[in-house]
């Protein structure tokens, strides 16, 4: 079911639509979802809601909370399936436990704070940043594009340097401008560390 929504809409988490960064797709369907009011696919960032419940804020809050892996709840809470359907309280809120759980997973949909593009040998290192989530995207599988770190239009407002499909002077300029910088130092930029050894040096320029 999630696969059908994904293929029919072309949706993928992180895509840009009308200049906006889109993390999650909520789709309405007129079909019976195998006896459910709605179904959430956290790994695909897709939520399906039956058309008849699309205007029920309780159901929407309930399903969106599952995107943050919040479980069902027995308290007076929107995560309690009975309470989420209570139309007499349309703004049904979360109990303190569920709210704390969601807050602990809130980094799932925050913009990336850095970029890391390495060689095609399958080796990369974990960026030394305070984050509860790493998002890895396959940008290329052509070893001839190793060193393409700069010049492209980034889909993320928080990331300045992005590949443009060509290895050229723009990449050299980026690396040279940060020569000698190590991870944790001022001006550090993961995109300039082509040979992922946490230091921007001659080895990165040689690869390019």
N, C-alpha and C. Protein backbone atom coordinates (compact mmCIF):
# COMPACT_ATOMS: atom_id res chain seq x y z
N UNK A 1 0.82 -1.20 0.00
CA UNK A 1 0.00 0.00 0.00
C UNK A 1 0.87 1.26 0.00
N UNK A 2 1.87 1.28 0.88
CA UNK A 2 2.79 2.42 0.91
C UNK A 2 3.54 2.53 -0.41
N UNK A 3 3.87 1.36 -0.98
CA UNK A 3 4.61 1.34 -2.24
C UNK A 3 3.78 1.97 -3.36
N UNK A 4 2.46 1.73 -3.35
CA UNK A 4 1.60 2.31 -4.37
C UNK A 4 1.58 3.83 -4.27
N UNK A 5 1.47 4.33 -3.04
CA UNK A 5 1.45 5.79 -2.85
C UNK A 5 2.78 6.38 -3.28
N UNK A 6 3.85 5.70 -2.93
CA UNK A 6 5.20 6.19 -3.24
C UNK A 6 5.41 6.25 -4.75
N UNK A 7 5.02 5.18 -5.47
CA UNK A 7 5.25 5.14 -6.91
C UNK A 7 4.30 6.07 -7.67
N UNK A 8 3.05 6.17 -7.23
CA UNK A 8 2.07 6.98 -7.94
C UNK A 8 2.32 8.48 -7.78
N UNK A 9 2.88 8.88 -6.64
CA UNK A 9 3.12 10.31 -6.40
C UNK A 9 4.57 10.71 -6.64
N UNK A 10 5.49 9.72 -6.67
CA UNK A 10 6.90 10.05 -6.81
C UNK A 10 7.49 10.63 -5.54
N UNK A 11 6.77 10.48 -4.43
CA UNK A 11 7.21 11.08 -3.17
C UNK A 11 8.45 10.40 -2.61
N UNK A 12 9.34 11.21 -2.05
CA UNK A 12 10.43 10.70 -1.23
C UNK A 12 10.74 11.76 -0.19
N UNK A 13 11.04 11.33 1.01
CA UNK A 13 11.33 12.27 2.08
C UNK A 13 12.52 13.14 1.71
N UNK A 14 12.36 14.44 1.89
CA UNK A 14 13.44 15.37 1.57
C UNK A 14 13.27 16.05 0.22
N UNK A 15 12.21 15.68 -0.53
CA UNK A 15 12.02 16.29 -1.84
C UNK A 15 11.56 17.75 -1.67
N UNK A 16 11.79 18.54 -2.69
CA UNK A 16 11.42 19.95 -2.66
C UNK A 16 10.23 20.17 -3.58
N UNK A 17 9.15 20.74 -3.05
CA UNK A 17 7.95 21.02 -3.82
C UNK A 17 7.62 22.50 -3.66
N UNK A 18 7.57 23.21 -4.78
CA UNK A 18 7.30 24.65 -4.76
C UNK A 18 8.23 25.40 -3.81
N UNK A 19 9.48 24.94 -3.80
CA UNK A 19 10.47 25.60 -2.97
C UNK A 19 10.43 25.23 -1.51
N UNK A 20 9.55 24.29 -1.15
CA UNK A 20 9.41 23.88 0.25
C UNK A 20 9.97 22.48 0.45
N UNK A 21 10.64 22.28 1.58
CA UNK A 21 11.23 21.00 1.95
C UNK A 21 10.12 20.11 2.49
N UNK A 22 9.85 18.97 1.85
CA UNK A 22 8.75 18.08 2.25
C UNK A 22 9.30 16.82 2.89
N UNK A 23 8.90 16.58 4.13
CA UNK A 23 9.40 15.42 4.86
C UNK A 23 8.43 14.25 4.85
N UNK A 24 7.11 14.54 4.84
CA UNK A 24 6.15 13.48 5.03
C UNK A 24 4.96 13.68 4.10
N UNK A 25 4.40 12.58 3.62
CA UNK A 25 3.23 12.62 2.75
C UNK A 25 2.03 12.07 3.50
N UNK A 26 0.96 12.84 3.52
CA UNK A 26 -0.30 12.38 4.10
C UNK A 26 -1.29 12.27 2.94
N UNK A 27 -1.74 11.06 2.67
CA UNK A 27 -2.63 10.82 1.53
C UNK A 27 -4.00 10.36 2.01
N UNK A 28 -5.04 10.85 1.37
CA UNK A 28 -6.40 10.42 1.69
C UNK A 28 -6.86 9.42 0.64
N UNK A 29 -7.60 8.43 1.08
CA UNK A 29 -8.07 7.39 0.16
C UNK A 29 -9.53 7.08 0.42
N UNK A 30 -10.24 6.78 -0.64
CA UNK A 30 -11.62 6.38 -0.52
C UNK A 30 -11.78 4.88 -0.31
N UNK A 31 -10.67 4.16 -0.36
CA UNK A 31 -10.70 2.71 -0.20
C UNK A 31 -10.73 2.31 1.28
N UNK A 32 -11.25 1.13 1.53
CA UNK A 32 -11.23 0.58 2.88
C UNK A 32 -9.81 0.10 3.18
N UNK A 33 -9.20 0.66 4.20
CA UNK A 33 -7.81 0.29 4.52
C UNK A 33 -7.81 -0.93 5.44
N UNK A 34 -8.32 -2.02 4.92
CA UNK A 34 -8.29 -3.29 5.64
C UNK A 34 -8.85 -3.17 7.05
N UNK A 35 -9.94 -2.39 7.18
CA UNK A 35 -10.59 -2.27 8.47
C UNK A 35 -10.06 -1.18 9.37
N UNK A 36 -9.02 -0.47 8.94
CA UNK A 36 -8.44 0.60 9.75
C UNK A 36 -8.95 1.95 9.28
N UNK A 37 -8.89 2.94 10.18
CA UNK A 37 -9.25 4.31 9.81
C UNK A 37 -8.10 4.97 9.08
N UNK A 38 -6.89 4.58 9.48
CA UNK A 38 -5.69 5.15 8.90
C UNK A 38 -4.53 4.19 9.15
N UNK A 39 -3.51 4.32 8.33
CA UNK A 39 -2.32 3.48 8.47
C UNK A 39 -1.09 4.35 8.31
N UNK A 40 -0.10 4.15 9.15
CA UNK A 40 1.13 4.92 9.09
C UNK A 40 2.31 4.02 8.76
N UNK A 41 3.17 4.51 7.88
CA UNK A 41 4.39 3.79 7.49
C UNK A 41 5.58 4.67 7.87
N UNK A 42 6.06 4.57 9.12
CA UNK A 42 7.13 5.48 9.58
C UNK A 42 8.40 5.42 8.74
N UNK A 43 8.77 4.24 8.27
CA UNK A 43 10.01 4.12 7.49
C UNK A 43 9.91 4.81 6.13
N UNK A 44 8.68 4.90 5.61
CA UNK A 44 8.48 5.56 4.31
C UNK A 44 7.99 6.99 4.47
N UNK A 45 7.71 7.40 5.72
CA UNK A 45 7.19 8.75 5.99
C UNK A 45 5.88 9.01 5.25
N UNK A 46 5.04 7.98 5.20
CA UNK A 46 3.75 8.08 4.51
C UNK A 46 2.62 7.72 5.48
N UNK A 47 1.56 8.53 5.47
CA UNK A 47 0.38 8.25 6.27
C UNK A 47 -0.84 8.21 5.35
N UNK A 48 -1.62 7.15 5.46
CA UNK A 48 -2.87 7.01 4.68
C UNK A 48 -4.06 7.18 5.62
N UNK A 49 -4.98 8.03 5.25
CA UNK A 49 -6.17 8.27 6.06
C UNK A 49 -7.39 8.12 5.17
N UNK A 50 -8.38 7.36 5.66
CA UNK A 50 -9.62 7.23 4.90
C UNK A 50 -10.29 8.59 4.80
N UNK A 51 -10.87 8.88 3.65
CA UNK A 51 -11.44 10.19 3.37
C UNK A 51 -12.42 10.65 4.45
N UNK A 52 -13.20 9.74 4.98
CA UNK A 52 -14.21 10.09 5.98
C UNK A 52 -13.62 10.60 7.29
N UNK A 53 -12.34 10.34 7.51
CA UNK A 53 -11.69 10.77 8.76
C UNK A 53 -10.63 11.84 8.52
N UNK A 54 -10.55 12.33 7.28
CA UNK A 54 -9.51 13.29 6.94
C UNK A 54 -9.66 14.61 7.69
N UNK A 55 -10.88 14.92 8.14
CA UNK A 55 -11.10 16.17 8.87
C UNK A 55 -11.09 16.00 10.37
N UNK A 56 -10.80 14.79 10.83
CA UNK A 56 -10.78 14.52 12.27
C UNK A 56 -9.38 14.80 12.81
N UNK A 57 -9.22 15.89 13.55
CA UNK A 57 -7.91 16.27 14.05
C UNK A 57 -7.33 15.22 15.00
N UNK A 58 -8.21 14.53 15.71
CA UNK A 58 -7.74 13.50 16.62
C UNK A 58 -7.04 12.37 15.87
N UNK A 59 -7.66 11.91 14.78
CA UNK A 59 -7.07 10.84 13.97
C UNK A 59 -5.76 11.31 13.34
N UNK A 60 -5.77 12.55 12.82
CA UNK A 60 -4.56 13.08 12.18
C UNK A 60 -3.42 13.18 13.18
N UNK A 61 -3.70 13.73 14.36
CA UNK A 61 -2.66 13.83 15.38
C UNK A 61 -2.16 12.45 15.80
N UNK A 62 -3.09 11.52 15.92
CA UNK A 62 -2.74 10.16 16.32
C UNK A 62 -1.77 9.53 15.31
N UNK A 63 -2.13 9.62 14.03
CA UNK A 63 -1.30 8.98 13.01
C UNK A 63 0.03 9.70 12.82
N UNK A 64 0.02 11.04 12.85
CA UNK A 64 1.28 11.76 12.71
C UNK A 64 2.22 11.45 13.86
N UNK A 65 1.67 11.19 15.03
CA UNK A 65 2.51 10.85 16.18
C UNK A 65 3.21 9.52 15.97
N UNK A 66 2.57 8.62 15.24
CA UNK A 66 3.21 7.34 14.93
C UNK A 66 4.44 7.54 14.04
N UNK A 67 4.47 8.64 13.28
CA UNK A 67 5.65 8.92 12.47
C UNK A 67 6.88 9.14 13.36
N UNK A 68 6.63 9.53 14.60
CA UNK A 68 7.71 9.71 15.57
C UNK A 68 7.83 8.47 16.46
N UNK A 69 7.22 7.35 15.98
CA UNK A 69 7.28 6.05 16.65
C UNK A 69 6.61 6.05 18.02
N UNK A 70 5.67 6.97 18.22
CA UNK A 70 4.94 7.00 19.49
C UNK A 70 3.94 5.84 19.51
N UNK A 71 3.93 5.03 20.58
CA UNK A 71 3.03 3.88 20.63
C UNK A 71 1.61 4.27 21.07
N UNK A 72 0.71 3.30 21.03
CA UNK A 72 -0.64 3.51 21.55
C UNK A 72 -0.56 3.79 23.05
N UNK A 73 -1.61 4.44 23.59
CA UNK A 73 -1.58 4.88 24.98
C UNK A 73 -2.92 4.57 25.64
N UNK A 74 -2.90 4.28 26.93
CA UNK A 74 -4.14 4.00 27.67
C UNK A 74 -4.59 5.17 28.51
N UNK A 75 -3.82 6.28 28.48
CA UNK A 75 -4.19 7.46 29.25
C UNK A 75 -5.24 8.29 28.51
N UNK A 76 -5.67 9.37 29.14
CA UNK A 76 -6.55 10.32 28.46
C UNK A 76 -5.64 11.10 27.51
N UNK A 77 -5.63 10.67 26.25
CA UNK A 77 -4.59 11.13 25.33
C UNK A 77 -5.02 10.87 23.90
N UNK A 78 -4.53 11.67 22.98
CA UNK A 78 -4.85 11.47 21.57
C UNK A 78 -4.28 10.15 21.06
N UNK A 79 -3.31 9.58 21.76
CA UNK A 79 -2.76 8.29 21.36
C UNK A 79 -3.60 7.12 21.87
N UNK A 80 -4.64 7.42 22.61
CA UNK A 80 -5.64 6.42 23.00
C UNK A 80 -6.68 6.42 21.88
N UNK A 81 -6.81 5.30 21.19
CA UNK A 81 -7.65 5.24 19.99
C UNK A 81 -9.08 5.66 20.27
N UNK A 82 -9.60 5.40 21.50
CA UNK A 82 -10.97 5.81 21.85
C UNK A 82 -11.06 7.33 21.94
N UNK A 83 -10.06 7.93 22.57
CA UNK A 83 -10.09 9.37 22.76
C UNK A 83 -9.80 10.13 21.47
N UNK A 84 -8.98 9.55 20.60
CA UNK A 84 -8.65 10.26 19.36
C UNK A 84 -9.86 10.35 18.44
N UNK A 85 -10.86 9.47 18.65
CA UNK A 85 -12.08 9.49 17.83
C UNK A 85 -13.20 10.31 18.47
N UNK A 86 -12.93 10.87 19.64
CA UNK A 86 -13.95 11.64 20.35
C UNK A 86 -14.11 13.01 19.71
N UNK A 87 -15.11 13.16 18.85
CA UNK A 87 -15.32 14.42 18.13
C UNK A 87 -15.82 15.53 19.04
N UNK A 88 -16.22 15.20 20.28
CA UNK A 88 -16.66 16.24 21.21
C UNK A 88 -15.48 17.04 21.73
N UNK A 89 -14.29 16.46 21.60
CA UNK A 89 -13.06 17.17 21.99
C UNK A 89 -12.15 17.16 20.77
N UNK A 90 -12.41 18.01 19.78
CA UNK A 90 -11.66 17.98 18.52
C UNK A 90 -10.17 18.29 18.66
N UNK A 91 -9.81 19.02 19.71
CA UNK A 91 -8.40 19.37 19.91
C UNK A 91 -7.76 18.48 20.97
N UNK A 92 -8.13 17.22 20.98
CA UNK A 92 -7.58 16.28 21.95
C UNK A 92 -6.06 16.34 21.94
N UNK A 93 -5.45 16.50 23.11
CA UNK A 93 -4.00 16.68 23.21
C UNK A 93 -3.32 15.39 23.64
N UNK A 94 -2.00 15.44 23.76
CA UNK A 94 -1.20 14.31 24.20
C UNK A 94 -1.04 14.32 25.71
N UNK A 95 -0.92 13.16 26.30
CA UNK A 95 -0.61 13.09 27.72
C UNK A 95 0.87 13.44 27.90
N UNK A 96 1.32 13.78 29.10
CA UNK A 96 2.72 14.16 29.31
C UNK A 96 3.71 13.09 28.85
N UNK A 97 3.37 11.81 29.04
CA UNK A 97 4.29 10.74 28.64
C UNK A 97 4.48 10.70 27.12
N UNK A 98 3.38 10.79 26.37
CA UNK A 98 3.47 10.74 24.90
C UNK A 98 4.12 12.00 24.35
N UNK A 99 3.81 13.13 24.97
CA UNK A 99 4.44 14.37 24.51
C UNK A 99 5.95 14.31 24.69
N UNK A 100 6.40 13.77 25.82
CA UNK A 100 7.83 13.63 26.07
C UNK A 100 8.47 12.65 25.09
N UNK A 101 7.73 11.58 24.76
CA UNK A 101 8.26 10.58 23.82
C UNK A 101 8.45 11.20 22.44
N UNK A 102 7.45 11.96 21.99
CA UNK A 102 7.54 12.60 20.68
C UNK A 102 8.67 13.62 20.66
N UNK A 103 8.81 14.39 21.73
CA UNK A 103 9.89 15.38 21.80
C UNK A 103 11.26 14.72 21.72
N UNK A 104 11.37 13.52 22.27
CA UNK A 104 12.66 12.82 22.24
C UNK A 104 13.01 12.36 20.83
N UNK A 105 12.00 12.26 19.94
CA UNK A 105 12.24 11.84 18.56
C UNK A 105 12.01 12.98 17.55
N UNK A 106 11.97 14.21 18.03
CA UNK A 106 11.62 15.33 17.16
C UNK A 106 12.67 15.59 16.09
N UNK A 107 13.88 15.07 16.27
CA UNK A 107 14.92 15.33 15.28
C UNK A 107 14.69 14.59 13.97
N UNK A 108 13.68 13.71 13.93
CA UNK A 108 13.44 12.95 12.71
C UNK A 108 13.17 13.86 11.52
N UNK A 109 12.48 14.98 11.77
CA UNK A 109 12.09 15.86 10.66
C UNK A 109 12.75 17.23 10.73
N UNK A 110 13.92 17.32 11.32
CA UNK A 110 14.65 18.58 11.30
C UNK A 110 15.60 18.60 10.11
N UNK A 111 15.84 19.77 9.53
CA UNK A 111 16.75 19.84 8.38
C UNK A 111 18.15 19.39 8.76
N UNK A 112 18.90 18.81 7.84
CA UNK A 112 20.27 18.37 8.13
C UNK A 112 21.15 19.56 8.47
N UNK A 113 22.09 19.35 9.38
CA UNK A 113 22.98 20.44 9.79
C UNK A 113 24.33 20.35 9.11
N UNK A 114 24.57 19.32 8.35
CA UNK A 114 25.83 19.21 7.63
C UNK A 114 25.64 18.29 6.45
N UNK A 115 26.63 18.22 5.59
CA UNK A 115 26.61 17.27 4.48
C UNK A 115 27.92 16.51 4.51
N UNK A 116 27.89 15.30 4.03
CA UNK A 116 29.08 14.46 4.01
C UNK A 116 29.05 13.64 2.73
N UNK A 117 29.93 13.92 1.81
CA UNK A 117 30.00 13.17 0.57
C UNK A 117 31.41 12.62 0.43
N UNK A 118 31.54 11.31 0.37
CA UNK A 118 32.85 10.69 0.34
C UNK A 118 33.05 9.92 -0.96
N UNK A 119 34.12 9.16 -1.00
CA UNK A 119 34.43 8.39 -2.21
C UNK A 119 33.47 7.22 -2.39
N UNK A 120 33.62 6.48 -3.49
CA UNK A 120 32.71 5.38 -3.79
C UNK A 120 33.18 4.05 -3.24
N UNK A 121 34.18 4.06 -2.33
CA UNK A 121 34.70 2.80 -1.82
C UNK A 121 33.88 2.25 -0.65
N UNK A 122 32.77 2.92 -0.35
CA UNK A 122 31.89 2.43 0.70
C UNK A 122 32.28 2.86 2.08
N UNK A 123 33.36 3.63 2.22
CA UNK A 123 33.81 4.05 3.54
C UNK A 123 33.36 5.47 3.83
N UNK A 124 32.76 5.66 4.98
CA UNK A 124 32.44 7.01 5.44
C UNK A 124 32.52 6.99 6.96
N UNK A 125 32.60 8.16 7.55
CA UNK A 125 32.66 8.23 9.00
C UNK A 125 31.42 8.95 9.53
N UNK A 126 31.11 8.71 10.78
CA UNK A 126 29.95 9.34 11.39
C UNK A 126 30.32 10.76 11.78
N UNK A 127 29.60 11.76 11.26
CA UNK A 127 29.91 13.15 11.61
C UNK A 127 29.83 13.37 13.12
N UNK A 128 30.72 14.15 13.63
CA UNK A 128 30.77 14.43 15.07
C UNK A 128 29.83 15.58 15.38
N UNK A 129 28.54 15.32 15.37
CA UNK A 129 27.54 16.33 15.63
C UNK A 129 26.52 15.77 16.61
N UNK A 130 25.85 16.67 17.31
CA UNK A 130 24.81 16.26 18.26
C UNK A 130 23.51 16.07 17.50
N UNK A 131 23.22 14.86 17.13
CA UNK A 131 22.01 14.59 16.37
C UNK A 131 21.50 13.20 16.71
N UNK A 132 20.18 13.07 16.75
CA UNK A 132 19.61 11.78 17.04
C UNK A 132 19.37 10.95 15.79
N UNK A 133 19.72 11.49 14.63
CA UNK A 133 19.41 10.78 13.39
C UNK A 133 20.43 11.12 12.31
N UNK A 134 20.84 10.11 11.58
CA UNK A 134 21.69 10.32 10.40
C UNK A 134 20.87 9.97 9.16
N UNK A 135 20.83 10.87 8.22
CA UNK A 135 20.14 10.61 6.96
C UNK A 135 21.19 10.44 5.88
N UNK A 136 21.20 9.28 5.24
CA UNK A 136 22.20 8.98 4.22
C UNK A 136 21.51 8.89 2.86
N UNK A 137 21.99 9.66 1.89
CA UNK A 137 21.44 9.64 0.55
C UNK A 137 22.52 9.19 -0.44
N UNK A 138 22.14 8.33 -1.37
CA UNK A 138 23.05 7.92 -2.43
C UNK A 138 23.04 8.99 -3.51
N UNK A 139 24.09 9.81 -3.55
CA UNK A 139 24.16 10.90 -4.51
C UNK A 139 24.75 10.45 -5.84
N UNK A 140 25.61 9.44 -5.81
CA UNK A 140 26.23 8.99 -7.05
C UNK A 140 26.81 7.60 -6.86
N UNK A 141 26.95 6.85 -7.94
CA UNK A 141 27.59 5.54 -7.90
C UNK A 141 28.66 5.45 -8.99
N UNK A 142 29.11 6.60 -9.45
CA UNK A 142 30.13 6.67 -10.49
C UNK A 142 31.42 7.16 -9.88
N UNK A 143 32.44 6.31 -9.86
CA UNK A 143 33.69 6.69 -9.22
C UNK A 143 34.36 7.86 -9.91
N UNK A 144 33.99 8.13 -11.16
CA UNK A 144 34.56 9.27 -11.87
C UNK A 144 34.05 10.60 -11.33
N UNK A 145 33.02 10.55 -10.49
CA UNK A 145 32.49 11.77 -9.89
C UNK A 145 33.01 11.98 -8.48
N UNK A 146 33.94 11.15 -8.05
CA UNK A 146 34.57 11.38 -6.76
C UNK A 146 35.24 12.75 -6.79
N UNK A 147 34.97 13.57 -5.83
CA UNK A 147 35.52 14.92 -5.80
C UNK A 147 34.52 15.99 -6.18
N UNK A 148 33.33 15.57 -6.63
CA UNK A 148 32.28 16.54 -6.96
C UNK A 148 31.58 16.93 -5.65
N UNK A 149 32.02 18.00 -5.05
CA UNK A 149 31.52 18.41 -3.75
C UNK A 149 30.80 19.75 -3.77
N UNK A 150 30.85 20.46 -4.89
CA UNK A 150 30.42 21.86 -4.85
C UNK A 150 29.86 22.28 -6.21
N UNK A 151 29.11 23.37 -6.21
CA UNK A 151 28.63 23.95 -7.46
C UNK A 151 27.16 23.72 -7.76
N UNK A 152 26.54 22.76 -7.07
CA UNK A 152 25.14 22.45 -7.34
C UNK A 152 24.19 23.21 -6.44
N UNK A 153 22.90 23.18 -6.80
CA UNK A 153 21.86 23.82 -6.00
C UNK A 153 21.44 22.86 -4.90
N UNK A 154 21.68 23.24 -3.67
CA UNK A 154 21.35 22.37 -2.55
C UNK A 154 19.85 22.37 -2.28
N UNK A 155 19.26 21.17 -2.06
CA UNK A 155 17.83 21.10 -1.73
C UNK A 155 17.57 21.46 -0.27
N UNK A 156 18.64 21.64 0.49
CA UNK A 156 18.52 21.93 1.91
C UNK A 156 19.00 23.36 2.20
N UNK A 157 18.16 24.14 2.84
CA UNK A 157 18.54 25.52 3.15
C UNK A 157 19.69 25.57 4.15
N UNK A 158 19.89 24.50 4.89
CA UNK A 158 20.93 24.50 5.92
C UNK A 158 22.29 24.04 5.37
N UNK A 159 22.35 23.64 4.10
CA UNK A 159 23.61 23.15 3.51
C UNK A 159 23.95 24.03 2.30
N UNK A 160 25.15 24.59 2.32
CA UNK A 160 25.56 25.52 1.27
C UNK A 160 26.16 24.81 0.06
N UNK A 161 27.10 23.90 0.31
CA UNK A 161 27.83 23.23 -0.77
C UNK A 161 27.17 21.91 -1.13
N UNK A 162 26.98 21.67 -2.43
CA UNK A 162 26.29 20.47 -2.90
C UNK A 162 26.82 20.10 -4.28
N UNK A 163 26.87 18.80 -4.61
CA UNK A 163 27.40 18.35 -5.92
C UNK A 163 26.60 18.91 -7.09
N UNK A 164 27.29 19.12 -8.23
CA UNK A 164 26.61 19.59 -9.43
C UNK A 164 26.78 18.64 -10.60
N UNK A 165 27.33 17.43 -10.33
CA UNK A 165 27.47 16.45 -11.39
C UNK A 165 28.74 16.59 -12.21
N UNK A 166 29.63 17.50 -11.79
CA UNK A 166 30.89 17.72 -12.50
C UNK A 166 32.02 17.93 -11.50
N UNK A 167 33.17 17.38 -11.83
CA UNK A 167 34.36 17.62 -11.02
C UNK A 167 35.18 18.70 -11.73
N UNK A 168 35.27 19.87 -11.12
CA UNK A 168 35.95 20.98 -11.78
C UNK A 168 36.56 21.94 -10.76
N UNK A 169 36.87 23.13 -11.21
CA UNK A 169 37.53 24.10 -10.37
C UNK A 169 36.74 24.53 -9.16
N UNK A 170 35.42 24.45 -9.24
CA UNK A 170 34.59 24.82 -8.09
C UNK A 170 34.88 23.93 -6.89
N UNK A 171 35.16 22.66 -7.17
CA UNK A 171 35.47 21.73 -6.09
C UNK A 171 36.85 22.02 -5.50
N UNK A 172 37.82 22.29 -6.37
CA UNK A 172 39.16 22.64 -5.92
C UNK A 172 39.12 23.92 -5.07
N UNK A 173 38.34 24.89 -5.53
CA UNK A 173 38.25 26.17 -4.81
C UNK A 173 37.71 25.95 -3.40
N UNK A 174 36.70 25.12 -3.27
CA UNK A 174 36.13 24.85 -1.95
C UNK A 174 37.17 24.23 -1.03
N UNK A 175 37.85 23.19 -1.52
CA UNK A 175 38.84 22.49 -0.69
C UNK A 175 40.00 23.41 -0.33
N UNK A 176 40.50 24.15 -1.32
CA UNK A 176 41.64 25.04 -1.08
C UNK A 176 41.31 26.12 -0.06
N UNK A 177 40.06 26.59 -0.08
CA UNK A 177 39.67 27.66 0.85
C UNK A 177 39.61 27.18 2.30
N UNK A 178 39.57 25.87 2.47
CA UNK A 178 39.48 25.30 3.82
C UNK A 178 40.69 24.44 4.15
N UNK A 179 41.74 24.57 3.37
CA UNK A 179 42.93 23.74 3.54
C UNK A 179 43.48 23.87 4.97
N UNK A 180 43.76 22.72 5.58
CA UNK A 180 44.32 22.70 6.92
C UNK A 180 43.29 22.68 8.04
N UNK A 181 42.01 22.78 7.70
CA UNK A 181 40.96 22.77 8.72
C UNK A 181 40.64 21.33 9.10
N UNK A 182 40.49 21.08 10.39
CA UNK A 182 40.13 19.75 10.89
C UNK A 182 38.75 19.76 11.51
N UNK A 183 38.17 18.59 11.67
CA UNK A 183 36.83 18.47 12.25
C UNK A 183 36.81 19.10 13.63
N UNK A 184 35.79 19.90 13.89
CA UNK A 184 35.65 20.56 15.17
C UNK A 184 36.21 21.98 15.18
N UNK A 185 37.00 22.33 14.17
CA UNK A 185 37.58 23.66 14.09
C UNK A 185 36.61 24.63 13.42
N UNK A 186 36.82 25.92 13.64
CA UNK A 186 36.01 26.94 13.00
C UNK A 186 36.14 26.82 11.47
N UNK A 187 35.03 26.98 10.76
CA UNK A 187 34.95 26.89 9.30
C UNK A 187 34.97 25.46 8.79
N UNK A 188 34.98 24.45 9.68
CA UNK A 188 34.98 23.05 9.22
C UNK A 188 33.78 22.79 8.32
N UNK A 189 34.01 22.08 7.24
CA UNK A 189 32.97 21.75 6.27
C UNK A 189 33.18 20.31 5.81
N UNK A 190 32.23 19.44 6.14
CA UNK A 190 32.36 18.03 5.78
C UNK A 190 32.47 17.82 4.26
N UNK A 191 31.86 18.70 3.50
CA UNK A 191 31.86 18.52 2.05
C UNK A 191 33.24 18.71 1.44
N UNK A 192 34.17 19.31 2.15
CA UNK A 192 35.51 19.51 1.61
C UNK A 192 36.44 18.35 1.97
N UNK A 193 35.96 17.43 2.80
CA UNK A 193 36.79 16.30 3.23
C UNK A 193 36.49 15.09 2.35
N UNK A 194 37.02 15.09 1.13
CA UNK A 194 36.72 14.04 0.16
C UNK A 194 37.25 12.68 0.62
N UNK A 195 38.49 12.67 1.08
CA UNK A 195 39.06 11.47 1.70
C UNK A 195 38.70 11.56 3.18
N UNK A 196 37.72 10.79 3.62
CA UNK A 196 37.11 11.02 4.94
C UNK A 196 38.02 10.66 6.12
N UNK A 197 38.94 11.58 6.41
CA UNK A 197 39.86 11.36 7.53
C UNK A 197 39.79 12.48 8.55
N UNK A 198 38.72 13.29 8.47
CA UNK A 198 38.45 14.37 9.42
C UNK A 198 39.46 15.52 9.32
N UNK A 199 40.10 15.65 8.17
CA UNK A 199 41.04 16.74 7.95
C UNK A 199 41.03 17.12 6.46
N UNK A 200 41.00 18.41 6.19
CA UNK A 200 41.01 18.89 4.81
C UNK A 200 42.46 19.21 4.44
N UNK A 201 43.01 18.39 3.56
CA UNK A 201 44.45 18.54 3.24
C UNK A 201 44.74 18.16 1.79
N UNK A 202 46.01 17.94 1.50
CA UNK A 202 46.44 17.63 0.16
C UNK A 202 45.84 16.36 -0.41
N UNK A 203 45.49 15.41 0.44
CA UNK A 203 44.90 14.17 -0.05
C UNK A 203 43.53 14.42 -0.69
N UNK A 204 42.81 15.38 -0.17
CA UNK A 204 41.50 15.71 -0.75
C UNK A 204 41.68 16.36 -2.12
N UNK A 205 42.64 17.27 -2.22
CA UNK A 205 42.89 17.93 -3.50
C UNK A 205 43.41 16.94 -4.53
N UNK A 206 44.27 16.00 -4.10
CA UNK A 206 44.83 15.00 -5.02
C UNK A 206 43.72 14.15 -5.64
N UNK A 207 42.75 13.75 -4.84
CA UNK A 207 41.64 12.94 -5.35
C UNK A 207 40.86 13.70 -6.41
N UNK A 208 40.63 14.97 -6.18
CA UNK A 208 39.88 15.80 -7.14
C UNK A 208 40.67 15.98 -8.43
